[in-house]
């Protein structure tokens, strides 16, 4: 899956919510905080991490390339 940025960055929990991978922002924050999200191959625990072009986000079997 490819996500096209509209700005310089998007916060991680907002990206997860915008992609409809969860039902709410609270769910997005929970899965990040529990270590279920990888950013560029590393576990990302910062809910408000600034996701920029070139980042790859992985949640379970979903892989998101940010452009």
PDB file of N, CA and C in Angstrom:
ATOM      1  N   UNK A   1       0.845  -1.165   0.000  1.00  0.00           N
ATOM      2  CA  UNK A   1       0.000   0.000   0.000  1.00  0.00           C
ATOM      3  C   UNK A   1       0.899   1.240   0.000  1.00  0.00           C
ATOM      4  N   UNK A   2       0.488   2.248  -0.749  1.00  0.00           N
ATOM      5  CA  UNK A   2       1.248   3.501  -0.817  1.00  0.00           C
ATOM      6  C   UNK A   2       0.391   4.631  -0.264  1.00  0.00           C
ATOM      7  N   UNK A   3       1.003   5.458   0.588  1.00  0.00           N
ATOM      8  CA  UNK A   3       0.327   6.627   1.135  1.00  0.00           C
ATOM      9  C   UNK A   3       1.046   7.871   0.634  1.00  0.00           C
ATOM     10  N   UNK A   4       0.311   8.754  -0.022  1.00  0.00           N
ATOM     11  CA  UNK A   4       0.877  10.005  -0.543  1.00  0.00           C
ATOM     12  C   UNK A   4       0.717  11.107   0.499  1.00  0.00           C
ATOM     13  N   UNK A   5       1.833  11.637   0.972  1.00  0.00           N
ATOM     14  CA  UNK A   5       1.801  12.738   1.941  1.00  0.00           C
ATOM     15  C   UNK A   5       1.265  14.006   1.285  1.00  0.00           C
ATOM     16  N   UNK A   6       0.468  14.755   2.039  1.00  0.00           N
ATOM     17  CA  UNK A   6      -0.025  16.048   1.575  1.00  0.00           C
ATOM     18  C   UNK A   6       0.796  17.186   2.179  1.00  0.00           C
ATOM     19  N   UNK A   7       1.476  16.911   3.293  1.00  0.00           N
ATOM     20  CA  UNK A   7       2.305  17.881   3.996  1.00  0.00           C
ATOM     21  C   UNK A   7       3.712  17.314   4.125  1.00  0.00           C
ATOM     22  N   UNK A   8       4.542  17.949   4.945  1.00  0.00           N
ATOM     23  CA  UNK A   8       5.911  17.467   5.149  1.00  0.00           C
ATOM     24  C   UNK A   8       5.955  16.151   5.914  1.00  0.00           C
ATOM     25  N   UNK A   9       4.959  15.949   6.804  1.00  0.00           N
ATOM     26  CA  UNK A   9       4.922  14.732   7.609  1.00  0.00           C
ATOM     27  C   UNK A   9       3.497  14.482   8.095  1.00  0.00           C
ATOM     28  N   UNK A  10       3.291  13.293   8.662  1.00  0.00           N
ATOM     29  CA  UNK A  10       2.035  12.964   9.338  1.00  0.00           C
ATOM     30  C   UNK A  10       2.415  12.196  10.596  1.00  0.00           C
ATOM     31  N   UNK A  11       1.713  12.457  11.691  1.00  0.00           N
ATOM     32  CA  UNK A  11       1.990  11.730  12.929  1.00  0.00           C
ATOM     33  C   UNK A  11       1.546  10.284  12.766  1.00  0.00           C
ATOM     34  N   UNK A  12       2.300   9.377  13.365  1.00  0.00           N
ATOM     35  CA  UNK A  12       2.077   7.942  13.178  1.00  0.00           C
ATOM     36  C   UNK A  12       0.645   7.514  13.489  1.00  0.00           C
ATOM     37  N   UNK A  13       0.112   7.906  14.634  1.00  0.00           N
ATOM     38  CA  UNK A  13      -1.237   7.448  14.979  1.00  0.00           C
ATOM     39  C   UNK A  13      -2.280   7.992  14.002  1.00  0.00           C
ATOM     40  N   UNK A  14      -2.042   9.187  13.465  1.00  0.00           N
ATOM     41  CA  UNK A  14      -2.972   9.766  12.485  1.00  0.00           C
ATOM     42  C   UNK A  14      -2.915   8.992  11.171  1.00  0.00           C
ATOM     43  N   UNK A  15      -1.716   8.591  10.763  1.00  0.00           N
ATOM     44  CA  UNK A  15      -1.564   7.794   9.547  1.00  0.00           C
ATOM     45  C   UNK A  15      -2.352   6.491   9.667  1.00  0.00           C
ATOM     46  N   UNK A  16      -2.207   5.819  10.797  1.00  0.00           N
ATOM     47  CA  UNK A  16      -2.912   4.548  11.014  1.00  0.00           C
ATOM     48  C   UNK A  16      -4.421   4.762  10.932  1.00  0.00           C
ATOM     49  N   UNK A  17      -4.899   5.845  11.514  1.00  0.00           N
ATOM     50  CA  UNK A  17      -6.335   6.153  11.502  1.00  0.00           C
ATOM     51  C   UNK A  17      -6.806   6.510  10.089  1.00  0.00           C
ATOM     52  N   UNK A  18      -6.050   7.356   9.387  1.00  0.00           N
ATOM     53  CA  UNK A  18      -6.429   7.788   8.030  1.00  0.00           C
ATOM     54  C   UNK A  18      -6.532   6.583   7.085  1.00  0.00           C
ATOM     55  N   UNK A  19      -5.688   5.606   7.280  1.00  0.00           N
ATOM     56  CA  UNK A  19      -5.701   4.416   6.429  1.00  0.00           C
ATOM     57  C   UNK A  19      -6.809   3.437   6.808  1.00  0.00           C
ATOM     58  N   UNK A  20      -7.613   3.766   7.827  1.00  0.00           N
ATOM     59  CA  UNK A  20      -8.699   2.906   8.298  1.00  0.00           C
ATOM     60  C   UNK A  20      -8.222   1.528   8.742  1.00  0.00           C
ATOM     61  N   UNK A  21      -7.032   1.480   9.347  1.00  0.00           N
ATOM     62  CA  UNK A  21      -6.524   0.211   9.867  1.00  0.00           C
ATOM     63  C   UNK A  21      -7.060  -0.070  11.265  1.00  0.00           C
ATOM     64  N   UNK A  22      -7.651   0.950  11.890  1.00  0.00           N
ATOM     65  CA  UNK A  22      -8.269   0.833  13.215  1.00  0.00           C
ATOM     66  C   UNK A  22      -9.580   1.615  13.205  1.00  0.00           C
ATOM     67  N   UNK A  23     -10.361   1.443  14.252  1.00  0.00           N
ATOM     68  CA  UNK A  23     -11.651   2.131  14.333  1.00  0.00           C
ATOM     69  C   UNK A  23     -11.545   3.547  14.879  1.00  0.00           C
ATOM     70  N   UNK A  24     -10.512   3.812  15.704  1.00  0.00           N
ATOM     71  CA  UNK A  24     -10.413   5.125  16.326  1.00  0.00           C
ATOM     72  C   UNK A  24      -8.960   5.525  16.555  1.00  0.00           C
ATOM     73  N   UNK A  25      -8.780   6.800  16.829  1.00  0.00           N
ATOM     74  CA  UNK A  25      -7.443   7.290  17.159  1.00  0.00           C
ATOM     75  C   UNK A  25      -6.916   6.641  18.422  1.00  0.00           C
ATOM     76  N   UNK A  26      -7.808   6.365  19.365  1.00  0.00           N
ATOM     77  CA  UNK A  26      -7.395   5.696  20.605  1.00  0.00           C
ATOM     78  C   UNK A  26      -6.855   4.297  20.314  1.00  0.00           C
ATOM     79  N   UNK A  27      -7.499   3.590  19.385  1.00  0.00           N
ATOM     80  CA  UNK A  27      -7.006   2.257  18.994  1.00  0.00           C
ATOM     81  C   UNK A  27      -5.634   2.369  18.341  1.00  0.00           C
ATOM     82  N   UNK A  28      -5.447   3.383  17.512  1.00  0.00           N
ATOM     83  CA  UNK A  28      -4.157   3.588  16.851  1.00  0.00           C
ATOM     84  C   UNK A  28      -3.068   3.833  17.889  1.00  0.00           C
ATOM     85  N   UNK A  29      -3.342   4.682  18.867  1.00  0.00           N
ATOM     86  CA  UNK A  29      -2.360   4.969  19.918  1.00  0.00           C
ATOM     87  C   UNK A  29      -2.047   3.717  20.725  1.00  0.00           C
ATOM     88  N   UNK A  30      -3.065   2.892  20.971  1.00  0.00           N
ATOM     89  CA  UNK A  30      -2.874   1.667  21.746  1.00  0.00           C
ATOM     90  C   UNK A  30      -1.951   0.687  21.029  1.00  0.00           C
ATOM     91  N   UNK A  31      -2.194   0.449  19.740  1.00  0.00           N
ATOM     92  CA  UNK A  31      -1.348  -0.535  19.048  1.00  0.00           C
ATOM     93  C   UNK A  31       0.089  -0.042  18.894  1.00  0.00           C
ATOM     94  N   UNK A  32       0.266   1.271  18.771  1.00  0.00           N
ATOM     95  CA  UNK A  32       1.630   1.808  18.726  1.00  0.00           C
ATOM     96  C   UNK A  32       2.293   1.596  20.085  1.00  0.00           C
ATOM     97  N   UNK A  33       1.599   1.983  21.148  1.00  0.00           N
ATOM     98  CA  UNK A  33       2.146   1.869  22.499  1.00  0.00           C
ATOM     99  C   UNK A  33       2.456   0.444  22.912  1.00  0.00           C
ATOM    100  N   UNK A  34       1.731  -0.515  22.352  1.00  0.00           N
ATOM    101  CA  UNK A  34       1.947  -1.925  22.689  1.00  0.00           C
ATOM    102  C   UNK A  34       3.006  -2.590  21.799  1.00  0.00           C
ATOM    103  N   UNK A  35       3.609  -1.812  20.893  1.00  0.00           N
ATOM    104  CA  UNK A  35       4.732  -2.336  20.108  1.00  0.00           C
ATOM    105  C   UNK A  35       4.360  -3.120  18.862  1.00  0.00           C
ATOM    106  N   UNK A  36       3.153  -2.922  18.341  1.00  0.00           N
ATOM    107  CA  UNK A  36       2.718  -3.670  17.162  1.00  0.00           C
ATOM    108  C   UNK A  36       3.065  -2.982  15.839  1.00  0.00           C
ATOM    109  N   UNK A  37       3.709  -1.820  15.899  1.00  0.00           N
ATOM    110  CA  UNK A  37       3.996  -1.050  14.689  1.00  0.00           C
ATOM    111  C   UNK A  37       5.507  -0.960  14.490  1.00  0.00           C
ATOM    112  N   UNK A  38       5.925  -1.231  13.243  1.00  0.00           N
ATOM    113  CA  UNK A  38       7.348  -1.108  12.897  1.00  0.00           C
ATOM    114  C   UNK A  38       7.514   0.037  11.900  1.00  0.00           C
ATOM    115  N   UNK A  39       8.549   0.808  12.093  1.00  0.00           N
ATOM    116  CA  UNK A  39       8.895   1.904  11.178  1.00  0.00           C
ATOM    117  C   UNK A  39      10.301   1.632  10.656  1.00  0.00           C
ATOM    118  N   UNK A  40      10.403   1.457   9.368  1.00  0.00           N
ATOM    119  CA  UNK A  40      11.689   1.166   8.733  1.00  0.00           C
ATOM    120  C   UNK A  40      12.388  -0.028   9.398  1.00  0.00           C
ATOM    121  N   UNK A  41      11.589  -1.044   9.746  1.00  0.00           N
ATOM    122  CA  UNK A  41      12.140  -2.275  10.303  1.00  0.00           C
ATOM    123  C   UNK A  41      12.332  -2.284  11.804  1.00  0.00           C
ATOM    124  N   UNK A  42      12.136  -1.156  12.478  1.00  0.00           N
ATOM    125  CA  UNK A  42      12.321  -1.056  13.928  1.00  0.00           C
ATOM    126  C   UNK A  42      10.974  -0.810  14.602  1.00  0.00           C
ATOM    127  N   UNK A  43      10.782  -1.363  15.790  1.00  0.00           N
ATOM    128  CA  UNK A  43       9.555  -1.107  16.544  1.00  0.00           C
ATOM    129  C   UNK A  43       9.499   0.380  16.882  1.00  0.00           C
ATOM    130  N   UNK A  44       8.359   0.990  16.602  1.00  0.00           N
ATOM    131  CA  UNK A  44       8.155   2.429  16.883  1.00  0.00           C
ATOM    132  C   UNK A  44       7.116   2.559  17.983  1.00  0.00           C
ATOM    133  N   UNK A  45       7.505   3.128  19.118  1.00  0.00           N
ATOM    134  CA  UNK A  45       6.605   3.266  20.264  1.00  0.00           C
ATOM    135  C   UNK A  45       6.087   4.694  20.438  1.00  0.00           C
ATOM    136  N   UNK A  46       6.591   5.626  19.638  1.00  0.00           N
ATOM    137  CA  UNK A  46       6.159   7.022  19.748  1.00  0.00           C
ATOM    138  C   UNK A  46       4.899   7.236  18.918  1.00  0.00           C
ATOM    139  N   UNK A  47       3.804   7.495  19.577  1.00  0.00           N
ATOM    140  CA  UNK A  47       2.515   7.652  18.906  1.00  0.00           C
ATOM    141  C   UNK A  47       2.518   8.832  17.944  1.00  0.00           C
ATOM    142  N   UNK A  48       3.244   9.890  18.300  1.00  0.00           N
ATOM    143  CA  UNK A  48       3.278  11.103  17.486  1.00  0.00           C
ATOM    144  C   UNK A  48       4.554  11.219  16.647  1.00  0.00           C
ATOM    145  N   UNK A  49       5.215  10.092  16.398  1.00  0.00           N
ATOM    146  CA  UNK A  49       6.419  10.111  15.560  1.00  0.00           C
ATOM    147  C   UNK A  49       6.066  10.732  14.210  1.00  0.00           C
ATOM    148  N   UNK A  50       6.931  11.591  13.717  1.00  0.00           N
ATOM    149  CA  UNK A  50       6.692  12.266  12.442  1.00  0.00           C
ATOM    150  C   UNK A  50       7.092  11.336  11.297  1.00  0.00           C
ATOM    151  N   UNK A  51       6.116  10.875  10.568  1.00  0.00           N
ATOM    152  CA  UNK A  51       6.335   9.969   9.444  1.00  0.00           C
ATOM    153  C   UNK A  51       6.542  10.820   8.196  1.00  0.00           C
ATOM    154  N   UNK A  52       7.664  10.594   7.525  1.00  0.00           N
ATOM    155  CA  UNK A  52       8.029  11.400   6.359  1.00  0.00           C
ATOM    156  C   UNK A  52       8.148  10.519   5.114  1.00  0.00           C
ATOM    157  N   UNK A  53       8.280  11.187   3.989  1.00  0.00           N
ATOM    158  CA  UNK A  53       8.439  10.475   2.719  1.00  0.00           C
ATOM    159  C   UNK A  53       9.640   9.533   2.800  1.00  0.00           C
ATOM    160  N   UNK A  54       9.452   8.314   2.339  1.00  0.00           N
ATOM    161  CA  UNK A  54      10.513   7.318   2.367  1.00  0.00           C
ATOM    162  C   UNK A  54      10.370   6.316   3.502  1.00  0.00           C
ATOM    163  N   UNK A  55       9.572   6.650   4.522  1.00  0.00           N
ATOM    164  CA  UNK A  55       9.359   5.725   5.631  1.00  0.00           C
ATOM    165  C   UNK A  55       8.499   4.552   5.177  1.00  0.00           C
ATOM    166  N   UNK A  56       8.727   3.407   5.800  1.00  0.00           N
ATOM    167  CA  UNK A  56       7.910   2.215   5.570  1.00  0.00           C
ATOM    168  C   UNK A  56       7.343   1.796   6.918  1.00  0.00           C
ATOM    169  N   UNK A  57       6.031   1.727   6.993  1.00  0.00           N
ATOM    170  CA  UNK A  57       5.325   1.362   8.219  1.00  0.00           C
ATOM    171  C   UNK A  57       4.736  -0.029   8.046  1.00  0.00           C
ATOM    172  N   UNK A  58       4.917  -0.875   9.054  1.00  0.00           N
ATOM    173  CA  UNK A  58       4.374  -2.226   9.009  1.00  0.00           C
ATOM    174  C   UNK A  58       3.528  -2.489  10.250  1.00  0.00           C
ATOM    175  N   UNK A  59       2.308  -2.948  10.010  1.00  0.00           N
ATOM    176  CA  UNK A  59       1.385  -3.327  11.080  1.00  0.00           C
ATOM    177  C   UNK A  59       0.807  -4.670  10.676  1.00  0.00           C
ATOM    178  N   UNK A  60       1.155  -5.708  11.420  1.00  0.00           N
ATOM    179  CA  UNK A  60       0.768  -7.078  11.069  1.00  0.00           C
ATOM    180  C   UNK A  60       1.240  -7.357   9.637  1.00  0.00           C
ATOM    181  N   UNK A  61       0.334  -7.741   8.735  1.00  0.00           N
ATOM    182  CA  UNK A  61       0.732  -8.019   7.351  1.00  0.00           C
ATOM    183  C   UNK A  61       0.591  -6.806   6.433  1.00  0.00           C
ATOM    184  N   UNK A  62       0.228  -5.665   6.988  1.00  0.00           N
ATOM    185  CA  UNK A  62       0.036  -4.455   6.174  1.00  0.00           C
ATOM    186  C   UNK A  62       1.361  -3.688   6.120  1.00  0.00           C
ATOM    187  N   UNK A  63       1.782  -3.386   4.887  1.00  0.00           N
ATOM    188  CA  UNK A  63       3.014  -2.633   4.668  1.00  0.00           C
ATOM    189  C   UNK A  63       2.636  -1.346   3.937  1.00  0.00           C
ATOM    190  N   UNK A  64       3.018  -0.208   4.512  1.00  0.00           N
ATOM    191  CA  UNK A  64       2.663   1.093   3.945  1.00  0.00           C
ATOM    192  C   UNK A  64       3.941   1.833   3.576  1.00  0.00           C
ATOM    193  N   UNK A  65       4.064   2.192   2.306  1.00  0.00           N
ATOM    194  CA  UNK A  65       5.184   3.005   1.844  1.00  0.00           C
ATOM    195  C   UNK A  65       4.704   4.444   1.760  1.00  0.00           C
ATOM    196  N   UNK A  66       5.420   5.347   2.434  1.00  0.00           N
ATOM    197  CA  UNK A  66       5.031   6.756   2.453  1.00  0.00           C
ATOM    198  C   UNK A  66       5.830   7.481   1.383  1.00  0.00           C
ATOM    199  N   UNK A  67       5.101   8.184   0.516  1.00  0.00           N
ATOM    200  CA  UNK A  67       5.730   8.908  -0.600  1.00  0.00           C
ATOM    201  C   UNK A  67       5.468  10.395  -0.477  1.00  0.00           C
TER     202      UNK A  67
END
